Amino acid sequence: GGGGGGATAGGAPPDAAQQLTTAGVNPLLAAALGAPNSQEESFVAAAALLAAHLLDLPPGSAGRRMLAQTVRDIPSLVPSLLDLLTKALPLPAGAVTAAQRRSGGARASPARAASPAPQ
């Protein structure tokens, strides 16, 4: 049995892996998703498997609703995945990551956003 308890810093759920397991996710997959910073490749693969599983569930089913709500209830899950994916993408110089937006560390160029597309 585990002896840890209490909420983690920032008010995050104490155990994301346990939340996912309760929602029906395989415990090994849930463990990989519960620790996004430990093994980045495993986390991305686990997130892809979770997405495939979620999409495989019948639309409107109780299981799909429960799993989707659980993913929403884990505040670090989606931003962690997006931050890892943006590191792997060939983004143009000056592109702003989700982490930078959250911290206010960078701003998008208004001139680039306002320029019309070439025709």
N, C-alpha and C. Protein backbone atom coordinates (compact mmCIF):
# COMPACT_ATOMS: atom_id res chain seq x y z
N GLY A 1 0.82 -1.19 0.00
CA GLY A 1 0.00 0.00 0.00
C GLY A 1 0.85 1.22 0.00
N GLY A 2 0.32 2.32 -0.53
CA GLY A 2 1.04 3.58 -0.58
C GLY A 2 0.76 4.41 0.63
N GLY A 3 1.77 5.17 1.09
CA GLY A 3 1.58 5.99 2.26
C GLY A 3 1.46 7.45 1.94
N GLY A 4 1.65 7.83 0.68
CA GLY A 4 1.59 9.25 0.32
C GLY A 4 0.17 9.75 0.31
N GLY A 5 0.01 11.02 0.54
CA GLY A 5 -1.35 11.56 0.52
C GLY A 5 -1.30 13.06 0.40
N GLY A 6 -2.46 13.66 0.28
CA GLY A 6 -2.54 15.10 0.18
C GLY A 6 -2.38 15.57 -1.25
N ALA A 7 -2.78 16.80 -1.47
CA ALA A 7 -2.69 17.37 -2.81
C ALA A 7 -1.26 17.79 -3.10
N THR A 8 -0.92 17.79 -4.35
CA THR A 8 0.40 18.24 -4.76
C THR A 8 0.39 19.73 -4.95
N ALA A 9 1.55 20.31 -5.20
CA ALA A 9 1.67 21.76 -5.39
C ALA A 9 0.79 22.22 -6.54
N GLY A 10 0.21 23.38 -6.39
CA GLY A 10 -0.62 23.94 -7.45
C GLY A 10 -2.04 23.40 -7.46
N GLY A 11 -2.41 22.59 -6.47
CA GLY A 11 -3.76 22.07 -6.41
C GLY A 11 -4.03 20.95 -7.38
N ALA A 12 -3.00 20.35 -7.96
CA ALA A 12 -3.17 19.25 -8.90
C ALA A 12 -3.69 18.03 -8.16
N PRO A 13 -4.38 17.13 -8.86
CA PRO A 13 -4.85 15.92 -8.21
C PRO A 13 -3.67 15.14 -7.63
N PRO A 14 -3.86 14.48 -6.48
CA PRO A 14 -2.75 13.77 -5.86
C PRO A 14 -2.24 12.61 -6.71
N ASP A 15 -3.08 11.99 -7.54
CA ASP A 15 -2.63 10.83 -8.29
C ASP A 15 -3.40 10.70 -9.60
N ALA A 16 -2.85 11.28 -10.66
CA ALA A 16 -3.50 11.23 -11.97
C ALA A 16 -3.63 9.80 -12.47
N ALA A 17 -2.62 8.97 -12.21
CA ALA A 17 -2.67 7.58 -12.66
C ALA A 17 -3.85 6.85 -12.03
N GLN A 18 -4.10 7.09 -10.76
CA GLN A 18 -5.23 6.44 -10.09
C GLN A 18 -6.56 6.91 -10.68
N GLN A 19 -6.65 8.19 -10.99
CA GLN A 19 -7.88 8.71 -11.61
C GLN A 19 -8.14 8.00 -12.95
N LEU A 20 -7.10 7.86 -13.75
CA LEU A 20 -7.25 7.22 -15.05
C LEU A 20 -7.61 5.74 -14.90
N THR A 21 -6.99 5.06 -13.94
CA THR A 21 -7.30 3.65 -13.70
C THR A 21 -8.76 3.49 -13.27
N THR A 22 -9.22 4.38 -12.43
CA THR A 22 -10.62 4.34 -11.98
C THR A 22 -11.57 4.54 -13.16
N ALA A 23 -11.13 5.30 -14.17
CA ALA A 23 -11.96 5.55 -15.35
C ALA A 23 -11.86 4.41 -16.37
N GLY A 24 -11.11 3.35 -16.05
CA GLY A 24 -11.05 2.20 -16.93
C GLY A 24 -9.80 2.07 -17.77
N VAL A 25 -8.80 2.92 -17.54
CA VAL A 25 -7.55 2.85 -18.30
C VAL A 25 -6.66 1.77 -17.69
N ASN A 26 -5.97 1.01 -18.54
CA ASN A 26 -5.02 0.00 -18.08
C ASN A 26 -4.03 0.64 -17.11
N PRO A 27 -3.75 0.00 -15.97
CA PRO A 27 -2.85 0.60 -14.97
C PRO A 27 -1.46 0.97 -15.51
N LEU A 28 -0.89 0.18 -16.42
CA LEU A 28 0.42 0.51 -16.98
C LEU A 28 0.34 1.77 -17.85
N LEU A 29 -0.72 1.87 -18.63
CA LEU A 29 -0.93 3.05 -19.46
C LEU A 29 -1.18 4.27 -18.57
N ALA A 30 -1.99 4.09 -17.53
CA ALA A 30 -2.27 5.19 -16.60
C ALA A 30 -1.00 5.67 -15.91
N ALA A 31 -0.11 4.74 -15.55
CA ALA A 31 1.14 5.12 -14.90
C ALA A 31 2.01 5.96 -15.83
N ALA A 32 2.06 5.59 -17.11
CA ALA A 32 2.84 6.36 -18.09
C ALA A 32 2.26 7.76 -18.28
N LEU A 33 0.94 7.87 -18.22
CA LEU A 33 0.30 9.17 -18.39
C LEU A 33 0.37 10.02 -17.12
N GLY A 34 0.54 9.36 -15.98
CA GLY A 34 0.59 10.08 -14.72
C GLY A 34 1.92 10.75 -14.44
N ALA A 35 2.93 10.44 -15.25
CA ALA A 35 4.27 11.01 -15.04
C ALA A 35 4.83 11.53 -16.36
N PRO A 36 4.29 12.64 -16.89
CA PRO A 36 4.69 13.12 -18.22
C PRO A 36 6.15 13.51 -18.34
N ASN A 37 6.80 13.84 -17.26
CA ASN A 37 8.19 14.31 -17.35
C ASN A 37 9.22 13.21 -17.16
N SER A 38 8.78 11.98 -16.84
CA SER A 38 9.76 10.93 -16.57
C SER A 38 10.31 10.32 -17.86
N GLN A 39 9.47 9.91 -18.76
CA GLN A 39 9.88 9.32 -20.04
C GLN A 39 9.02 9.95 -21.13
N GLU A 40 9.55 10.96 -21.79
CA GLU A 40 8.75 11.71 -22.76
C GLU A 40 8.19 10.84 -23.88
N GLU A 41 9.01 9.93 -24.43
CA GLU A 41 8.54 9.08 -25.52
C GLU A 41 7.41 8.17 -25.06
N SER A 42 7.54 7.62 -23.85
CA SER A 42 6.49 6.75 -23.31
C SER A 42 5.21 7.54 -23.08
N PHE A 43 5.35 8.78 -22.60
CA PHE A 43 4.19 9.61 -22.35
C PHE A 43 3.43 9.90 -23.64
N VAL A 44 4.14 10.25 -24.70
CA VAL A 44 3.49 10.55 -25.98
C VAL A 44 2.82 9.30 -26.54
N ALA A 45 3.50 8.16 -26.46
CA ALA A 45 2.90 6.91 -26.94
C ALA A 45 1.66 6.55 -26.11
N ALA A 46 1.74 6.72 -24.80
CA ALA A 46 0.60 6.43 -23.94
C ALA A 46 -0.58 7.35 -24.25
N ALA A 47 -0.29 8.62 -24.51
CA ALA A 47 -1.35 9.57 -24.85
C ALA A 47 -2.01 9.18 -26.17
N ALA A 48 -1.22 8.71 -27.13
CA ALA A 48 -1.78 8.26 -28.41
C ALA A 48 -2.68 7.04 -28.21
N LEU A 49 -2.24 6.11 -27.38
CA LEU A 49 -3.06 4.93 -27.08
C LEU A 49 -4.35 5.32 -26.36
N LEU A 50 -4.25 6.27 -25.43
CA LEU A 50 -5.44 6.74 -24.72
C LEU A 50 -6.42 7.38 -25.70
N ALA A 51 -5.92 8.20 -26.61
CA ALA A 51 -6.79 8.85 -27.60
C ALA A 51 -7.46 7.80 -28.49
N ALA A 52 -6.70 6.79 -28.91
CA ALA A 52 -7.27 5.74 -29.75
C ALA A 52 -8.35 4.97 -28.99
N HIS A 53 -8.08 4.70 -27.72
CA HIS A 53 -9.07 3.99 -26.90
C HIS A 53 -10.33 4.84 -26.73
N LEU A 54 -10.15 6.12 -26.46
CA LEU A 54 -11.28 7.02 -26.28
C LEU A 54 -12.13 7.08 -27.54
N LEU A 55 -11.48 7.18 -28.69
CA LEU A 55 -12.21 7.25 -29.95
C LEU A 55 -12.86 5.93 -30.33
N ASP A 56 -12.35 4.84 -29.79
CA ASP A 56 -12.91 3.52 -30.07
C ASP A 56 -14.17 3.24 -29.26
N LEU A 57 -14.35 3.97 -28.16
CA LEU A 57 -15.55 3.79 -27.35
C LEU A 57 -16.76 4.35 -28.10
N PRO A 58 -17.92 3.71 -27.93
CA PRO A 58 -19.11 4.19 -28.64
C PRO A 58 -19.46 5.63 -28.27
N PRO A 59 -19.76 6.46 -29.27
CA PRO A 59 -20.16 7.85 -28.98
C PRO A 59 -21.35 7.87 -28.03
N GLY A 60 -21.29 8.73 -27.06
CA GLY A 60 -22.39 8.87 -26.11
C GLY A 60 -22.41 7.82 -25.02
N SER A 61 -21.47 6.87 -25.03
CA SER A 61 -21.47 5.82 -24.00
C SER A 61 -21.01 6.40 -22.67
N ALA A 62 -21.43 5.75 -21.59
CA ALA A 62 -21.04 6.20 -20.26
C ALA A 62 -19.52 6.11 -20.08
N GLY A 63 -18.91 5.06 -20.61
CA GLY A 63 -17.46 4.91 -20.50
C GLY A 63 -16.71 6.02 -21.19
N ARG A 64 -17.18 6.40 -22.37
CA ARG A 64 -16.52 7.48 -23.11
C ARG A 64 -16.67 8.81 -22.39
N ARG A 65 -17.86 9.08 -21.87
CA ARG A 65 -18.09 10.32 -21.12
C ARG A 65 -17.21 10.35 -19.88
N MET A 66 -17.13 9.22 -19.16
CA MET A 66 -16.35 9.16 -17.93
C MET A 66 -14.86 9.39 -18.22
N LEU A 67 -14.36 8.73 -19.26
CA LEU A 67 -12.94 8.87 -19.59
C LEU A 67 -12.62 10.28 -20.06
N ALA A 68 -13.48 10.85 -20.90
CA ALA A 68 -13.26 12.22 -21.37
C ALA A 68 -13.27 13.20 -20.20
N GLN A 69 -14.19 13.02 -19.26
CA GLN A 69 -14.25 13.91 -18.09
C GLN A 69 -13.00 13.74 -17.23
N THR A 70 -12.53 12.52 -17.08
CA THR A 70 -11.32 12.28 -16.29
C THR A 70 -10.12 12.99 -16.91
N VAL A 71 -9.99 12.92 -18.24
CA VAL A 71 -8.90 13.61 -18.93
C VAL A 71 -9.00 15.12 -18.67
N ARG A 72 -10.22 15.65 -18.71
CA ARG A 72 -10.41 17.09 -18.44
C ARG A 72 -10.06 17.44 -17.00
N ASP A 73 -10.29 16.50 -16.08
CA ASP A 73 -10.07 16.76 -14.65
C ASP A 73 -8.59 16.72 -14.25
N ILE A 74 -7.72 16.26 -15.13
CA ILE A 74 -6.28 16.22 -14.84
C ILE A 74 -5.66 17.42 -15.55
N PRO A 75 -5.44 18.52 -14.84
CA PRO A 75 -5.06 19.77 -15.48
C PRO A 75 -3.73 19.75 -16.24
N SER A 76 -2.83 18.86 -15.89
CA SER A 76 -1.51 18.87 -16.53
C SER A 76 -1.43 17.97 -17.76
N LEU A 77 -2.41 17.11 -17.97
CA LEU A 77 -2.30 16.07 -19.00
C LEU A 77 -2.19 16.65 -20.42
N VAL A 78 -3.17 17.41 -20.84
CA VAL A 78 -3.18 17.94 -22.21
C VAL A 78 -2.07 18.97 -22.44
N PRO A 79 -1.87 19.94 -21.53
CA PRO A 79 -0.77 20.89 -21.76
C PRO A 79 0.60 20.20 -21.83
N SER A 80 0.82 19.17 -21.01
CA SER A 80 2.10 18.45 -21.06
C SER A 80 2.29 17.78 -22.41
N LEU A 81 1.23 17.17 -22.91
CA LEU A 81 1.31 16.51 -24.21
C LEU A 81 1.57 17.53 -25.31
N LEU A 82 0.86 18.63 -25.30
CA LEU A 82 1.04 19.65 -26.34
C LEU A 82 2.45 20.25 -26.29
N ASP A 83 2.97 20.47 -25.10
CA ASP A 83 4.33 21.00 -24.98
C ASP A 83 5.36 20.02 -25.56
N LEU A 84 5.19 18.73 -25.30
CA LEU A 84 6.11 17.73 -25.86
C LEU A 84 5.99 17.66 -27.37
N LEU A 85 4.77 17.72 -27.87
CA LEU A 85 4.58 17.65 -29.32
C LEU A 85 5.13 18.87 -30.04
N THR A 86 4.96 20.04 -29.44
CA THR A 86 5.47 21.24 -30.11
C THR A 86 6.99 21.25 -30.16
N LYS A 87 7.65 20.60 -29.22
CA LYS A 87 9.11 20.50 -29.27
C LYS A 87 9.55 19.69 -30.49
N ALA A 88 8.73 18.74 -30.90
CA ALA A 88 9.08 17.86 -32.00
C ALA A 88 8.68 18.42 -33.37
N LEU A 89 7.87 19.45 -33.40
CA LEU A 89 7.41 20.02 -34.66
C LEU A 89 8.38 21.07 -35.19
N PRO A 90 8.52 21.15 -36.50
CA PRO A 90 9.39 22.19 -37.07
C PRO A 90 8.65 23.54 -37.11
N LEU A 91 8.54 24.17 -35.95
CA LEU A 91 7.82 25.44 -35.86
C LEU A 91 8.72 26.59 -36.29
N PRO A 92 8.14 27.64 -36.87
CA PRO A 92 8.94 28.79 -37.28
C PRO A 92 9.54 29.50 -36.05
N ALA A 93 10.63 30.19 -36.27
CA ALA A 93 11.26 30.95 -35.19
C ALA A 93 10.25 31.93 -34.62
N GLY A 94 10.23 32.05 -33.31
CA GLY A 94 9.31 32.97 -32.66
C GLY A 94 7.97 32.36 -32.30
N ALA A 95 7.75 31.08 -32.64
CA ALA A 95 6.49 30.43 -32.29
C ALA A 95 6.41 30.33 -30.77
N VAL A 96 5.23 30.47 -30.24
CA VAL A 96 5.01 30.48 -28.80
C VAL A 96 4.42 29.14 -28.37
N THR A 97 5.05 28.51 -27.37
CA THR A 97 4.53 27.25 -26.85
C THR A 97 3.48 27.53 -25.78
N ALA A 98 2.72 26.51 -25.43
CA ALA A 98 1.70 26.66 -24.39
C ALA A 98 2.35 27.04 -23.07
N ALA A 99 3.50 26.46 -22.76
CA ALA A 99 4.20 26.79 -21.51
C ALA A 99 4.60 28.26 -21.49
N GLN A 100 5.06 28.78 -22.62
CA GLN A 100 5.44 30.19 -22.68
C GLN A 100 4.22 31.09 -22.52
N ARG A 101 3.09 30.69 -23.11
CA ARG A 101 1.87 31.49 -22.96
C ARG A 101 1.44 31.52 -21.51
N ARG A 102 1.49 30.35 -20.84
CA ARG A 102 1.07 30.29 -19.44
C ARG A 102 1.95 31.15 -18.56
N SER A 103 3.26 31.17 -18.85
CA SER A 103 4.18 31.93 -18.01
C SER A 103 4.31 33.38 -18.44
N GLY A 104 3.77 33.72 -19.60
CA GLY A 104 3.89 35.08 -20.11
C GLY A 104 5.28 35.38 -20.63
N GLY A 105 6.05 34.32 -20.95
CA GLY A 105 7.43 34.46 -21.34
C GLY A 105 7.65 34.89 -22.78
N ALA A 106 6.65 34.83 -23.63
CA ALA A 106 6.82 35.22 -25.03
C ALA A 106 5.50 35.72 -25.57
N ARG A 107 5.59 36.52 -26.60
CA ARG A 107 4.38 37.05 -27.22
C ARG A 107 4.42 36.77 -28.71
N ALA A 108 3.26 36.50 -29.27
CA ALA A 108 3.17 36.29 -30.72
C ALA A 108 3.34 37.64 -31.42
N SER A 109 3.89 37.62 -32.59
CA SER A 109 4.10 38.83 -33.35
C SER A 109 2.79 39.27 -34.00
N PRO A 110 2.23 40.44 -33.62
CA PRO A 110 0.98 40.88 -34.23
C PRO A 110 1.13 41.17 -35.71
N ALA A 111 2.33 41.60 -36.15
CA ALA A 111 2.53 41.90 -37.56
C ALA A 111 2.41 40.64 -38.40
N ARG A 112 2.99 39.54 -37.92
CA ARG A 112 2.92 38.28 -38.65
C ARG A 112 1.48 37.77 -38.71
N ALA A 113 0.73 37.90 -37.62
CA ALA A 113 -0.64 37.42 -37.58
C ALA A 113 -1.55 38.26 -38.47
N ALA A 114 -1.23 39.54 -38.64
CA ALA A 114 -2.10 40.42 -39.41
C ALA A 114 -1.77 40.46 -40.89
N SER A 115 -0.63 39.91 -41.29
CA SER A 115 -0.26 40.01 -42.70
C SER A 115 -1.13 39.08 -43.56
N PRO A 116 -1.59 39.55 -44.70
CA PRO A 116 -2.46 38.73 -45.55
C PRO A 116 -1.65 37.61 -46.22
N ALA A 117 -2.33 36.53 -46.53
CA ALA A 117 -1.70 35.41 -47.20
C ALA A 117 -1.43 35.78 -48.67
N PRO A 118 -0.29 35.34 -49.22
CA PRO A 118 -0.01 35.64 -50.63
C PRO A 118 -1.01 34.94 -51.54
N GLN A 119 -1.30 35.60 -52.68
CA GLN A 119 -2.28 35.01 -53.60
C GLN A 119 -1.68 34.73 -54.94
